[in-house]
Amino acid sequence: MNYSIPNNRPEVEKAENARPEIAQTTYDKIDISEYDTVFIGYPIWWWTAPMIVGTFLEHYDLTGYGIYPFSQSASMNTTQFDTSMEFVRGCAVGTNVHDGLFARASSTTDINAYLTANGFIG
């Protein structure tokens, strides 16, 4: 993805608050009723989560689910992460969107601390 090209896909999707389509065959492979917790990872695209994250979250009835967002970006700009969390919370209505994790993939200390704090590892 070349972000320096004017009107690139992520920029246009964000500007339009688009919801890119996810194929029904993909949805058919995911039986969300088997779970009560959803980890959703994404890169920061144009200062927020990619719009496809909204498509996914708005497709399912996630009432009562625990949503755990995690992300990173090249700049590691916390304001952009905060914007992405607002987007996720706005799309995951009726759910418990927990504080997200914003850490580099190489930061196993931060990742383990997040998982421990949320009761996923001991």
PDB file of N, CA and C in Angstrom:
ATOM      1  N   MET A   1       0.857  -1.167   0.000  1.00  0.00           N
ATOM      2  CA  MET A   1       0.000   0.000   0.000  1.00  0.00           C
ATOM      3  C   MET A   1       0.900   1.226   0.000  1.00  0.00           C
ATOM      4  N   ASN A   2       0.731   2.070  -0.976  1.00  0.00           N
ATOM      5  CA  ASN A   2       1.520   3.290  -1.069  1.00  0.00           C
ATOM      6  C   ASN A   2       0.672   4.451  -0.561  1.00  0.00           C
ATOM      7  N   TYR A   3       0.971   4.899   0.648  1.00  0.00           N
ATOM      8  CA  TYR A   3       0.197   5.969   1.273  1.00  0.00           C
ATOM      9  C   TYR A   3       0.479   7.345   0.680  1.00  0.00           C
ATOM     10  N   SER A   4       1.525   7.448  -0.139  1.00  0.00           N
ATOM     11  CA  SER A   4       1.856   8.754  -0.707  1.00  0.00           C
ATOM     12  C   SER A   4       1.037   9.066  -1.958  1.00  0.00           C
ATOM     13  N   ILE A   5       0.305   8.102  -2.475  1.00  0.00           N
ATOM     14  CA  ILE A   5      -0.547   8.326  -3.641  1.00  0.00           C
ATOM     15  C   ILE A   5      -1.835   9.008  -3.173  1.00  0.00           C
ATOM     16  N   PRO A   6      -2.180  10.154  -3.750  1.00  0.00           N
ATOM     17  CA  PRO A   6      -3.431  10.813  -3.353  1.00  0.00           C
ATOM     18  C   PRO A   6      -4.634   9.892  -3.563  1.00  0.00           C
ATOM     19  N   ASN A   7      -5.567   9.988  -2.663  1.00  0.00           N
ATOM     20  CA  ASN A   7      -6.810   9.216  -2.725  1.00  0.00           C
ATOM     21  C   ASN A   7      -6.580   7.708  -2.720  1.00  0.00           C
ATOM     22  N   ASN A   8      -5.609   7.259  -1.928  1.00  0.00           N
ATOM     23  CA  ASN A   8      -5.386   5.815  -1.808  1.00  0.00           C
ATOM     24  C   ASN A   8      -6.547   5.191  -1.040  1.00  0.00           C
ATOM     25  N   ARG A   9      -6.699   3.888  -1.159  1.00  0.00           N
ATOM     26  CA  ARG A   9      -7.866   3.200  -0.598  1.00  0.00           C
ATOM     27  C   ARG A   9      -8.101   3.470   0.893  1.00  0.00           C
ATOM     28  N   PRO A  10      -7.104   3.319   1.778  1.00  0.00           N
ATOM     29  CA  PRO A  10      -7.382   3.583   3.193  1.00  0.00           C
ATOM     30  C   PRO A  10      -7.842   5.014   3.468  1.00  0.00           C
ATOM     31  N   GLU A  11      -7.246   5.969   2.759  1.00  0.00           N
ATOM     32  CA  GLU A  11      -7.624   7.375   2.944  1.00  0.00           C
ATOM     33  C   GLU A  11      -9.067   7.613   2.500  1.00  0.00           C
ATOM     34  N   VAL A  12      -9.435   7.063   1.352  1.00  0.00           N
ATOM     35  CA  VAL A  12     -10.796   7.230   0.835  1.00  0.00           C
ATOM     36  C   VAL A  12     -11.802   6.536   1.748  1.00  0.00           C
ATOM     37  N   GLU A  13     -11.503   5.306   2.166  1.00  0.00           N
ATOM     38  CA  GLU A  13     -12.413   4.581   3.059  1.00  0.00           C
ATOM     39  C   GLU A  13     -12.647   5.359   4.346  1.00  0.00           C
ATOM     40  N   LYS A  14     -11.583   5.907   4.926  1.00  0.00           N
ATOM     41  CA  LYS A  14     -11.737   6.675   6.161  1.00  0.00           C
ATOM     42  C   LYS A  14     -12.581   7.924   5.915  1.00  0.00           C
ATOM     43  N   ALA A  15     -12.273   8.649   4.850  1.00  0.00           N
ATOM     44  CA  ALA A  15     -13.008   9.876   4.544  1.00  0.00           C
ATOM     45  C   ALA A  15     -14.499   9.612   4.355  1.00  0.00           C
ATOM     46  N   GLU A  16     -14.830   8.463   3.796  1.00  0.00           N
ATOM     47  CA  GLU A  16     -16.230   8.110   3.531  1.00  0.00           C
ATOM     48  C   GLU A  16     -16.866   7.314   4.664  1.00  0.00           C
ATOM     49  N   ASN A  17     -16.088   7.021   5.720  1.00  0.00           N
ATOM     50  CA  ASN A  17     -16.545   6.136   6.796  1.00  0.00           C
ATOM     51  C   ASN A  17     -17.140   4.865   6.183  1.00  0.00           C
ATOM     52  N   ALA A  18     -16.427   4.355   5.183  1.00  0.00           N
ATOM     53  CA  ALA A  18     -16.885   3.198   4.404  1.00  0.00           C
ATOM     54  C   ALA A  18     -16.884   1.926   5.246  1.00  0.00           C
ATOM     55  N   ARG A  19     -17.664   0.975   4.804  1.00  0.00           N
ATOM     56  CA  ARG A  19     -17.649  -0.361   5.388  1.00  0.00           C
ATOM     57  C   ARG A  19     -17.393  -1.341   4.241  1.00  0.00           C
ATOM     58  N   PRO A  20     -16.110  -1.624   3.982  1.00  0.00           N
ATOM     59  CA  PRO A  20     -15.787  -2.561   2.901  1.00  0.00           C
ATOM     60  C   PRO A  20     -16.463  -3.904   3.147  1.00  0.00           C
ATOM     61  N   GLU A  21     -16.844  -4.526   2.059  1.00  0.00           N
ATOM     62  CA  GLU A  21     -17.565  -5.792   2.137  1.00  0.00           C
ATOM     63  C   GLU A  21     -16.658  -6.937   2.571  1.00  0.00           C
ATOM     64  N   ILE A  22     -17.215  -7.815   3.382  1.00  0.00           N
ATOM     65  CA  ILE A  22     -16.590  -9.091   3.718  1.00  0.00           C
ATOM     66  C   ILE A  22     -17.474 -10.159   3.095  1.00  0.00           C
ATOM     67  N   ALA A  23     -16.891 -11.082   2.385  1.00  0.00           N
ATOM     68  CA  ALA A  23     -17.657 -12.114   1.686  1.00  0.00           C
ATOM     69  C   ALA A  23     -18.465 -12.962   2.674  1.00  0.00           C
ATOM     70  N   GLN A  24     -19.678 -13.298   2.290  1.00  0.00           N
ATOM     71  CA  GLN A  24     -20.519 -14.153   3.130  1.00  0.00           C
ATOM     72  C   GLN A  24     -19.831 -15.481   3.425  1.00  0.00           C
ATOM     73  N   THR A  25     -19.071 -15.990   2.476  1.00  0.00           N
ATOM     74  CA  THR A  25     -18.363 -17.254   2.712  1.00  0.00           C
ATOM     75  C   THR A  25     -17.366 -17.124   3.861  1.00  0.00           C
ATOM     76  N   THR A  26     -16.817 -15.948   4.054  1.00  0.00           N
ATOM     77  CA  THR A  26     -15.921 -15.714   5.195  1.00  0.00           C
ATOM     78  C   THR A  26     -16.728 -15.727   6.484  1.00  0.00           C
ATOM     79  N   TYR A  27     -17.850 -15.018   6.500  1.00  0.00           N
ATOM     80  CA  TYR A  27     -18.708 -15.022   7.687  1.00  0.00           C
ATOM     81  C   TYR A  27     -19.175 -16.439   8.017  1.00  0.00           C
ATOM     82  N   ASP A  28     -19.479 -17.228   6.982  1.00  0.00           N
ATOM     83  CA  ASP A  28     -19.966 -18.590   7.188  1.00  0.00           C
ATOM     84  C   ASP A  28     -18.935 -19.468   7.888  1.00  0.00           C
ATOM     85  N   LYS A  29     -17.666 -19.123   7.765  1.00  0.00           N
ATOM     86  CA  LYS A  29     -16.596 -19.906   8.393  1.00  0.00           C
ATOM     87  C   LYS A  29     -16.402 -19.554   9.862  1.00  0.00           C
ATOM     88  N   ILE A  30     -17.026 -18.469  10.310  1.00  0.00           N
ATOM     89  CA  ILE A  30     -16.835 -18.002  11.687  1.00  0.00           C
ATOM     90  C   ILE A  30     -18.139 -18.143  12.455  1.00  0.00           C
ATOM     91  N   ASP A  31     -18.177 -19.091  13.381  1.00  0.00           N
ATOM     92  CA  ASP A  31     -19.352 -19.237  14.249  1.00  0.00           C
ATOM     93  C   ASP A  31     -19.047 -18.498  15.552  1.00  0.00           C
ATOM     94  N   ILE A  32     -19.381 -17.224  15.568  1.00  0.00           N
ATOM     95  CA  ILE A  32     -19.059 -16.357  16.695  1.00  0.00           C
ATOM     96  C   ILE A  32     -19.765 -16.791  17.977  1.00  0.00           C
ATOM     97  N   SER A  33     -20.840 -17.560  17.850  1.00  0.00           N
ATOM     98  CA  SER A  33     -21.587 -18.000  19.037  1.00  0.00           C
ATOM     99  C   SER A  33     -20.771 -18.956  19.907  1.00  0.00           C
ATOM    100  N   GLU A  34     -19.695 -19.488  19.373  1.00  0.00           N
ATOM    101  CA  GLU A  34     -18.832 -20.386  20.140  1.00  0.00           C
ATOM    102  C   GLU A  34     -17.943 -19.646  21.130  1.00  0.00           C
ATOM    103  N   TYR A  35     -17.941 -18.331  21.061  1.00  0.00           N
ATOM    104  CA  TYR A  35     -17.000 -17.537  21.847  1.00  0.00           C
ATOM    105  C   TYR A  35     -17.734 -16.505  22.694  1.00  0.00           C
ATOM    106  N   ASP A  36     -17.049 -16.015  23.721  1.00  0.00           N
ATOM    107  CA  ASP A  36     -17.566 -14.879  24.478  1.00  0.00           C
ATOM    108  C   ASP A  36     -16.528 -13.763  24.570  1.00  0.00           C
ATOM    109  N   THR A  37     -15.360 -14.022  23.995  1.00  0.00           N
ATOM    110  CA  THR A  37     -14.265 -13.060  23.981  1.00  0.00           C
ATOM    111  C   THR A  37     -13.720 -12.963  22.564  1.00  0.00           C
ATOM    112  N   VAL A  38     -13.490 -11.740  22.113  1.00  0.00           N
ATOM    113  CA  VAL A  38     -12.946 -11.522  20.782  1.00  0.00           C
ATOM    114  C   VAL A  38     -11.712 -10.624  20.899  1.00  0.00           C
ATOM    115  N   PHE A  39     -10.584 -11.118  20.422  1.00  0.00           N
ATOM    116  CA  PHE A  39      -9.388 -10.294  20.264  1.00  0.00           C
ATOM    117  C   PHE A  39      -9.421  -9.779  18.838  1.00  0.00           C
ATOM    118  N   ILE A  40      -9.270  -8.489  18.683  1.00  0.00           N
ATOM    119  CA  ILE A  40      -9.275  -7.931  17.334  1.00  0.00           C
ATOM    120  C   ILE A  40      -8.023  -7.075  17.153  1.00  0.00           C
ATOM    121  N   GLY A  41      -7.168  -7.543  16.259  1.00  0.00           N
ATOM    122  CA  GLY A  41      -5.915  -6.855  15.991  1.00  0.00           C
ATOM    123  C   GLY A  41      -5.955  -6.155  14.645  1.00  0.00           C
ATOM    124  N   TYR A  42      -5.319  -5.021  14.582  1.00  0.00           N
ATOM    125  CA  TYR A  42      -5.325  -4.241  13.351  1.00  0.00           C
ATOM    126  C   TYR A  42      -4.145  -3.270  13.345  1.00  0.00           C
ATOM    127  N   PRO A  43      -3.726  -2.877  12.140  1.00  0.00           N
ATOM    128  CA  PRO A  43      -2.739  -1.799  12.030  1.00  0.00           C
ATOM    129  C   PRO A  43      -3.470  -0.455  12.074  1.00  0.00           C
ATOM    130  N   ILE A  44      -2.766   0.587  12.388  1.00  0.00           N
ATOM    131  CA  ILE A  44      -3.353   1.924  12.281  1.00  0.00           C
ATOM    132  C   ILE A  44      -3.248   2.353  10.816  1.00  0.00           C
ATOM    133  N   TRP A  45      -4.402   2.661  10.210  1.00  0.00           N
ATOM    134  CA  TRP A  45      -4.464   3.149   8.829  1.00  0.00           C
ATOM    135  C   TRP A  45      -5.095   4.527   8.859  1.00  0.00           C
ATOM    136  N   TRP A  46      -4.399   5.504   8.415  1.00  0.00           N
ATOM    137  CA  TRP A  46      -4.891   6.870   8.393  1.00  0.00           C
ATOM    138  C   TRP A  46      -5.466   7.276   9.753  1.00  0.00           C
ATOM    139  N   TRP A  47      -4.681   7.052  10.776  1.00  0.00           N
ATOM    140  CA  TRP A  47      -4.934   7.515  12.144  1.00  0.00           C
ATOM    141  C   TRP A  47      -6.073   6.800  12.861  1.00  0.00           C
ATOM    142  N   THR A  48      -6.478   5.644  12.374  1.00  0.00           N
ATOM    143  CA  THR A  48      -7.501   4.867  13.063  1.00  0.00           C
ATOM    144  C   THR A  48      -7.420   3.412  12.613  1.00  0.00           C
ATOM    145  N   ALA A  49      -8.363   2.612  13.059  1.00  0.00           N
ATOM    146  CA  ALA A  49      -8.443   1.218  12.611  1.00  0.00           C
ATOM    147  C   ALA A  49      -8.950   1.202  11.168  1.00  0.00           C
ATOM    148  N   PRO A  50      -8.551   0.216  10.385  1.00  0.00           N
ATOM    149  CA  PRO A  50      -9.103   0.089   9.032  1.00  0.00           C
ATOM    150  C   PRO A  50     -10.623  -0.065   9.091  1.00  0.00           C
ATOM    151  N   MET A  51     -11.310   0.487   8.129  1.00  0.00           N
ATOM    152  CA  MET A  51     -12.772   0.462   8.123  1.00  0.00           C
ATOM    153  C   MET A  51     -13.338  -0.957   8.082  1.00  0.00           C
ATOM    154  N   ILE A  52     -12.582  -1.918   7.595  1.00  0.00           N
ATOM    155  CA  ILE A  52     -13.041  -3.313   7.564  1.00  0.00           C
ATOM    156  C   ILE A  52     -13.261  -3.844   8.987  1.00  0.00           C
ATOM    157  N   VAL A  53     -12.559  -3.269   9.965  1.00  0.00           N
ATOM    158  CA  VAL A  53     -12.779  -3.642  11.367  1.00  0.00           C
ATOM    159  C   VAL A  53     -14.208  -3.268  11.761  1.00  0.00           C
ATOM    160  N   GLY A  54     -14.652  -2.102  11.318  1.00  0.00           N
ATOM    161  CA  GLY A  54     -16.041  -1.700  11.570  1.00  0.00           C
ATOM    162  C   GLY A  54     -17.025  -2.644  10.912  1.00  0.00           C
ATOM    163  N   THR A  55     -16.735  -3.056   9.688  1.00  0.00           N
ATOM    164  CA  THR A  55     -17.587  -4.011   8.981  1.00  0.00           C
ATOM    165  C   THR A  55     -17.760  -5.268   9.819  1.00  0.00           C
ATOM    166  N   PHE A  56     -16.657  -5.815  10.302  1.00  0.00           N
ATOM    167  CA  PHE A  56     -16.684  -7.040  11.098  1.00  0.00           C
ATOM    168  C   PHE A  56     -17.479  -6.838  12.390  1.00  0.00           C
ATOM    169  N   LEU A  57     -17.170  -5.799  13.138  1.00  0.00           N
ATOM    170  CA  LEU A  57     -17.824  -5.584  14.434  1.00  0.00           C
ATOM    171  C   LEU A  57     -19.315  -5.310  14.287  1.00  0.00           C
ATOM    172  N   GLU A  58     -19.704  -4.612  13.233  1.00  0.00           N
ATOM    173  CA  GLU A  58     -21.115  -4.278  13.035  1.00  0.00           C
ATOM    174  C   GLU A  58     -21.924  -5.438  12.457  1.00  0.00           C
ATOM    175  N   HIS A  59     -21.250  -6.430  11.894  1.00  0.00           N
ATOM    176  CA  HIS A  59     -21.947  -7.567  11.302  1.00  0.00           C
ATOM    177  C   HIS A  59     -22.552  -8.481  12.364  1.00  0.00           C
ATOM    178  N   TYR A  60     -21.852  -8.685  13.442  1.00  0.00           N
ATOM    179  CA  TYR A  60     -22.269  -9.641  14.474  1.00  0.00           C
ATOM    180  C   TYR A  60     -23.000  -8.950  15.610  1.00  0.00           C
ATOM    181  N   ASP A  61     -23.902  -9.679  16.246  1.00  0.00           N
ATOM    182  CA  ASP A  61     -24.488  -9.214  17.498  1.00  0.00           C
ATOM    183  C   ASP A  61     -23.514  -9.635  18.594  1.00  0.00           C
ATOM    184  N   LEU A  62     -22.749  -8.704  19.078  1.00  0.00           N
ATOM    185  CA  LEU A  62     -21.715  -8.991  20.074  1.00  0.00           C
ATOM    186  C   LEU A  62     -22.137  -8.570  21.480  1.00  0.00           C
ATOM    187  N   THR A  63     -23.428  -8.432  21.682  1.00  0.00           N
ATOM    188  CA  THR A  63     -23.942  -8.052  22.993  1.00  0.00           C
ATOM    189  C   THR A  63     -23.429  -9.024  24.052  1.00  0.00           C
ATOM    190  N   GLY A  64     -22.808  -8.472  25.070  1.00  0.00           N
ATOM    191  CA  GLY A  64     -22.304  -9.289  26.167  1.00  0.00           C
ATOM    192  C   GLY A  64     -20.913  -9.858  25.954  1.00  0.00           C
ATOM    193  N   TYR A  65     -20.353  -9.666  24.785  1.00  0.00           N
ATOM    194  CA  TYR A  65     -19.005 -10.166  24.508  1.00  0.00           C
ATOM    195  C   TYR A  65     -17.963  -9.238  25.130  1.00  0.00           C
ATOM    196  N   GLY A  66     -16.796  -9.768  25.358  1.00  0.00           N
ATOM    197  CA  GLY A  66     -15.638  -8.965  25.726  1.00  0.00           C
ATOM    198  C   GLY A  66     -14.775  -8.777  24.492  1.00  0.00           C
ATOM    199  N   ILE A  67     -14.511  -7.535  24.145  1.00  0.00           N
ATOM    200  CA  ILE A  67     -13.693  -7.222  22.977  1.00  0.00           C
ATOM    201  C   ILE A  67     -12.357  -6.664  23.480  1.00  0.00           C
ATOM    202  N   TYR A  68     -11.273  -7.242  22.988  1.00  0.00           N
ATOM    203  CA  TYR A  68      -9.924  -6.831  23.379  1.00  0.00           C
ATOM    204  C   TYR A  68      -9.157  -6.394  22.127  1.00  0.00           C
ATOM    205  N   PRO A  69      -9.125  -5.086  21.842  1.00  0.00           N
ATOM    206  CA  PRO A  69      -8.401  -4.593  20.672  1.00  0.00           C
ATOM    207  C   PRO A  69      -6.898  -4.528  20.941  1.00  0.00           C
ATOM    208  N   PHE A  70      -6.117  -4.785  19.894  1.00  0.00           N
ATOM    209  CA  PHE A  70      -4.672  -4.580  19.996  1.00  0.00           C
ATOM    210  C   PHE A  70      -4.157  -4.075  18.665  1.00  0.00           C
ATOM    211  N   SER A  71      -3.144  -3.226  18.735  1.00  0.00           N
ATOM    212  CA  SER A  71      -2.668  -2.578  17.532  1.00  0.00           C
ATOM    213  C   SER A  71      -1.240  -2.095  17.692  1.00  0.00           C
ATOM    214  N   GLN A  72      -0.672  -1.731  16.560  1.00  0.00           N
ATOM    215  CA  GLN A  72       0.600  -1.030  16.521  1.00  0.00           C
ATOM    216  C   GLN A  72       0.607  -0.195  15.258  1.00  0.00           C
ATOM    217  N   SER A  73       1.560   0.708  15.182  1.00  0.00           N
ATOM    218  CA  SER A  73       1.718   1.512  13.966  1.00  0.00           C
ATOM    219  C   SER A  73       3.187   1.856  13.799  1.00  0.00           C
ATOM    220  N   ALA A  74       3.528   2.285  12.632  1.00  0.00           N
ATOM    221  CA  ALA A  74       4.920   2.661  12.374  1.00  0.00           C
ATOM    222  C   ALA A  74       5.352   3.805  13.283  1.00  0.00           C
ATOM    223  N   SER A  75       4.460   4.744  13.527  1.00  0.00           N
ATOM    224  CA  SER A  75       4.811   5.909  14.347  1.00  0.00           C
ATOM    225  C   SER A  75       4.602   5.669  15.842  1.00  0.00           C
ATOM    226  N   MET A  76       3.803   4.660  16.178  1.00  0.00           N
ATOM    227  CA  MET A  76       3.437   4.374  17.573  1.00  0.00           C
ATOM    228  C   MET A  76       2.872   5.634  18.254  1.00  0.00           C
ATOM    229  N   ASN A  77       2.009   6.328  17.552  1.00  0.00           N
ATOM    230  CA  ASN A  77       1.387   7.554  18.015  1.00  0.00           C
ATOM    231  C   ASN A  77       0.150   7.203  18.846  1.00  0.00           C
ATOM    232  N   THR A  78       0.176   7.526  20.133  1.00  0.00           N
ATOM    233  CA  THR A  78      -0.924   7.138  21.023  1.00  0.00           C
ATOM    234  C   THR A  78      -2.232   7.857  20.696  1.00  0.00           C
ATOM    235  N   THR A  79      -2.155   9.056  20.139  1.00  0.00           N
ATOM    236  CA  THR A  79      -3.378   9.753  19.748  1.00  0.00           C
ATOM    237  C   THR A  79      -4.103   8.969  18.658  1.00  0.00           C
ATOM    238  N   GLN A  80      -3.348   8.433  17.711  1.00  0.00           N
ATOM    239  CA  GLN A  80      -3.953   7.618  16.654  1.00  0.00           C
ATOM    240  C   GLN A  80      -4.581   6.362  17.245  1.00  0.00           C
ATOM    241  N   PHE A  81      -3.915   5.747  18.216  1.00  0.00           N
ATOM    242  CA  PHE A  81      -4.486   4.564  18.856  1.00  0.00           C
ATOM    243  C   PHE A  81      -5.777   4.931  19.584  1.00  0.00           C
ATOM    244  N   ASP A  82      -5.771   6.049  20.301  1.00  0.00           N
ATOM    245  CA  ASP A  82      -6.985   6.485  20.999  1.00  0.00           C
ATOM    246  C   ASP A  82      -8.136   6.684  20.013  1.00  0.00           C
ATOM    247  N   THR A  83      -7.843   7.254  18.852  1.00  0.00           N
ATOM    248  CA  THR A  83      -8.864   7.434  17.810  1.00  0.00           C
ATOM    249  C   THR A  83      -9.383   6.080  17.342  1.00  0.00           C
ATOM    250  N   SER A  84      -8.477   5.117  17.195  1.00  0.00           N
ATOM    251  CA  SER A  84      -8.905   3.780  16.765  1.00  0.00           C
ATOM    252  C   SER A  84      -9.790   3.132  17.824  1.00  0.00           C
ATOM    253  N   MET A  85      -9.483   3.364  19.091  1.00  0.00           N
ATOM    254  CA  MET A  85     -10.310   2.789  20.164  1.00  0.00           C
ATOM    255  C   MET A  85     -11.715   3.400  20.159  1.00  0.00           C
ATOM    256  N   GLU A  86     -11.810   4.703  19.895  1.00  0.00           N
ATOM    257  CA  GLU A  86     -13.131   5.343  19.776  1.00  0.00           C
ATOM    258  C   GLU A  86     -13.922   4.708  18.628  1.00  0.00           C
ATOM    259  N   PHE A  87     -13.249   4.453  17.529  1.00  0.00           N
ATOM    260  CA  PHE A  87     -13.892   3.822  16.374  1.00  0.00           C
ATOM    261  C   PHE A  87     -14.385   2.425  16.735  1.00  0.00           C
ATOM    262  N   VAL A  88     -13.534   1.625  17.362  1.00  0.00           N
ATOM    263  CA  VAL A  88     -13.915   0.261  17.747  1.00  0.00           C
ATOM    264  C   VAL A  88     -15.105   0.305  18.700  1.00  0.00           C
ATOM    265  N   ARG A  89     -15.050   1.167  19.694  1.00  0.00           N
ATOM    266  CA  ARG A  89     -16.171   1.276  20.649  1.00  0.00           C
ATOM    267  C   ARG A  89     -17.456   1.700  19.953  1.00  0.00           C
ATOM    268  N   GLY A  90     -17.356   2.598  18.981  1.00  0.00           N
ATOM    269  CA  GLY A  90     -18.535   3.048  18.239  1.00  0.00           C
ATOM    270  C   GLY A  90     -19.144   1.959  17.370  1.00  0.00           C
ATOM    271  N   CYS A  91     -18.319   1.039  16.910  1.00  0.00           N
ATOM    272  CA  CYS A  91     -18.799  -0.044  16.046  1.00  0.00           C
ATOM    273  C   CYS A  91     -19.265  -1.265  16.833  1.00  0.00           C
ATOM    274  N   ALA A  92     -18.772  -1.425  18.037  1.00  0.00           N
ATOM    275  CA  ALA A  92     -19.075  -2.611  18.848  1.00  0.00           C
ATOM    276  C   ALA A  92     -20.100  -2.268  19.924  1.00  0.00           C
ATOM    277  N   VAL A  93     -21.225  -1.730  19.499  1.00  0.00           N
ATOM    278  CA  VAL A  93     -22.277  -1.296  20.411  1.00  0.00           C
ATOM    279  C   VAL A  93     -22.833  -2.491  21.184  1.00  0.00           C
ATOM    280  N   GLY A  94     -23.053  -2.315  22.479  1.00  0.00           N
ATOM    281  CA  GLY A  94     -23.630  -3.371  23.316  1.00  0.00           C
ATOM    282  C   GLY A  94     -22.606  -4.350  23.849  1.00  0.00           C
ATOM    283  N   THR A  95     -21.337  -4.076  23.589  1.00  0.00           N
ATOM    284  CA  THR A  95     -20.287  -4.969  24.061  1.00  0.00           C
ATOM    285  C   THR A  95     -19.452  -4.284  25.127  1.00  0.00           C
ATOM    286  N   ASN A  96     -18.610  -5.063  25.736  1.00  0.00           N
ATOM    287  CA  ASN A  96     -17.648  -4.529  26.692  1.00  0.00           C
ATOM    288  C   ASN A  96     -16.302  -4.454  25.974  1.00  0.00           C
ATOM    289  N   VAL A  97     -15.991  -3.286  25.424  1.00  0.00           N
ATOM    290  CA  VAL A  97     -14.706  -3.090  24.763  1.00  0.00           C
ATOM    291  C   VAL A  97     -13.702  -2.695  25.837  1.00  0.00           C
ATOM    292  N   HIS A  98     -12.798  -3.596  26.106  1.00  0.00           N
ATOM    293  CA  HIS A  98     -11.791  -3.370  27.143  1.00  0.00           C
ATOM    294  C   HIS A  98     -10.717  -2.420  26.631  1.00  0.00           C
ATOM    295  N   ASP A  99      -9.958  -1.857  27.558  1.00  0.00           N
ATOM    296  CA  ASP A  99      -8.825  -1.038  27.147  1.00  0.00           C
ATOM    297  C   ASP A  99      -7.959  -1.873  26.227  1.00  0.00           C
ATOM    298  N   GLY A 100      -7.497  -1.264  25.178  1.00  0.00           N
ATOM    299  CA  GLY A 100      -6.718  -1.990  24.193  1.00  0.00           C
ATOM    300  C   GLY A 100      -5.241  -2.014  24.527  1.00  0.00           C
ATOM    301  N   LEU A 101      -4.540  -2.771  23.733  1.00  0.00           N
ATOM    302  CA  LEU A 101      -3.090  -2.873  23.846  1.00  0.00           C
ATOM    303  C   LEU A 101      -2.467  -2.198  22.634  1.00  0.00           C
ATOM    304  N   PHE A 102      -1.592  -1.241  22.894  1.00  0.00           N
ATOM    305  CA  PHE A 102      -0.861  -0.553  21.842  1.00  0.00           C
ATOM    306  C   PHE A 102       0.615  -0.786  22.122  1.00  0.00           C
ATOM    307  N   ALA A 103       1.172  -1.775  21.443  1.00  0.00           N
ATOM    308  CA  ALA A 103       2.559  -2.160  21.696  1.00  0.00           C
ATOM    309  C   ALA A 103       3.160  -2.758  20.439  1.00  0.00           C
ATOM    310  N   ARG A 104       4.438  -2.624  20.326  1.00  0.00           N
ATOM    311  CA  ARG A 104       5.139  -3.265  19.208  1.00  0.00           C
ATOM    312  C   ARG A 104       5.056  -4.775  19.375  1.00  0.00           C
ATOM    313  N   ALA A 105       5.007  -5.490  18.265  1.00  0.00           N
ATOM    314  CA  ALA A 105       4.930  -6.950  18.299  1.00  0.00           C
ATOM    315  C   ALA A 105       6.132  -7.549  19.017  1.00  0.00           C
ATOM    316  N   SER A 106       7.239  -6.860  19.003  1.00  0.00           N
ATOM    317  CA  SER A 106       8.452  -7.354  19.662  1.00  0.00           C
ATOM    318  C   SER A 106       8.463  -7.102  21.165  1.00  0.00           C
ATOM    319  N   SER A 107       7.478  -6.374  21.671  1.00  0.00           N
ATOM    320  CA  SER A 107       7.444  -6.040  23.097  1.00  0.00           C
ATOM    321  C   SER A 107       6.703  -7.112  23.892  1.00  0.00           C
ATOM    322  N   THR A 108       7.339  -8.256  24.047  1.00  0.00           N
ATOM    323  CA  THR A 108       6.689  -9.361  24.756  1.00  0.00           C
ATOM    324  C   THR A 108       6.390  -9.000  26.207  1.00  0.00           C
ATOM    325  N   THR A 109       7.154  -8.121  26.802  1.00  0.00           N
ATOM    326  CA  THR A 109       6.882  -7.690  28.178  1.00  0.00           C
ATOM    327  C   THR A 109       5.522  -6.995  28.253  1.00  0.00           C
ATOM    328  N   ASP A 110       5.266  -6.058  27.327  1.00  0.00           N
ATOM    329  CA  ASP A 110       3.978  -5.351  27.314  1.00  0.00           C
ATOM    330  C   ASP A 110       2.825  -6.294  26.988  1.00  0.00           C
ATOM    331  N   ILE A 111       3.044  -7.182  26.034  1.00  0.00           N
ATOM    332  CA  ILE A 111       1.997  -8.128  25.639  1.00  0.00           C
ATOM    333  C   ILE A 111       1.661  -9.058  26.801  1.00  0.00           C
ATOM    334  N   ASN A 112       2.659  -9.605  27.443  1.00  0.00           N
ATOM    335  CA  ASN A 112       2.424 -10.491  28.583  1.00  0.00           C
ATOM    336  C   ASN A 112       1.755  -9.753  29.733  1.00  0.00           C
ATOM    337  N   ALA A 113       2.145  -8.511  29.980  1.00  0.00           N
ATOM    338  CA  ALA A 113       1.515  -7.725  31.052  1.00  0.00           C
ATOM    339  C   ALA A 113       0.034  -7.501  30.752  1.00  0.00           C
ATOM    340  N   TYR A 114      -0.300  -7.209  29.500  1.00  0.00           N
ATOM    341  CA  TYR A 114      -1.690  -7.006  29.097  1.00  0.00           C
ATOM    342  C   TYR A 114      -2.504  -8.279  29.277  1.00  0.00           C
ATOM    343  N   LEU A 115      -1.961  -9.390  28.810  1.00  0.00           N
ATOM    344  CA  LEU A 115      -2.656 -10.674  28.935  1.00  0.00           C
ATOM    345  C   LEU A 115      -2.822 -11.068  30.402  1.00  0.00           C
ATOM    346  N   THR A 116      -1.818 -10.817  31.197  1.00  0.00           N
ATOM    347  CA  THR A 116      -1.894 -11.119  32.637  1.00  0.00           C
ATOM    348  C   THR A 116      -2.930 -10.239  33.320  1.00  0.00           C
ATOM    349  N   ALA A 117      -2.893  -8.944  33.047  1.00  0.00           N
ATOM    350  CA  ALA A 117      -3.821  -8.005  33.672  1.00  0.00           C
ATOM    351  C   ALA A 117      -5.277  -8.326  33.338  1.00  0.00           C
ATOM    352  N   ASN A 118      -5.495  -8.935  32.191  1.00  0.00           N
ATOM    353  CA  ASN A 118      -6.854  -9.277  31.783  1.00  0.00           C
ATOM    354  C   ASN A 118      -7.223 -10.739  32.049  1.00  0.00           C
ATOM    355  N   GLY A 119      -6.358 -11.444  32.771  1.00  0.00           N
ATOM    356  CA  GLY A 119      -6.667 -12.797  33.215  1.00  0.00           C
ATOM    357  C   GLY A 119      -6.514 -13.895  32.185  1.00  0.00           C
ATOM    358  N   PHE A 120      -5.763 -13.650  31.114  1.00  0.00           N
ATOM    359  CA  PHE A 120      -5.595 -14.670  30.085  1.00  0.00           C
ATOM    360  C   PHE A 120      -4.387 -15.555  30.322  1.00  0.00           C
ATOM    361  N   ILE A 121      -3.408 -15.050  31.041  1.00  0.00           N
ATOM    362  CA  ILE A 121      -2.259 -15.881  31.445  1.00  0.00           C
ATOM    363  C   ILE A 121      -1.966 -15.579  32.902  1.00  0.00           C
ATOM    364  N   GLY A 122      -1.310 -16.534  33.550  1.00  0.00           N
ATOM    365  CA  GLY A 122      -1.045 -16.410  34.984  1.00  0.00           C
ATOM    366  C   GLY A 122       0.249 -15.861  35.299  1.00  0.00           C
TER     367      GLY A 122
END
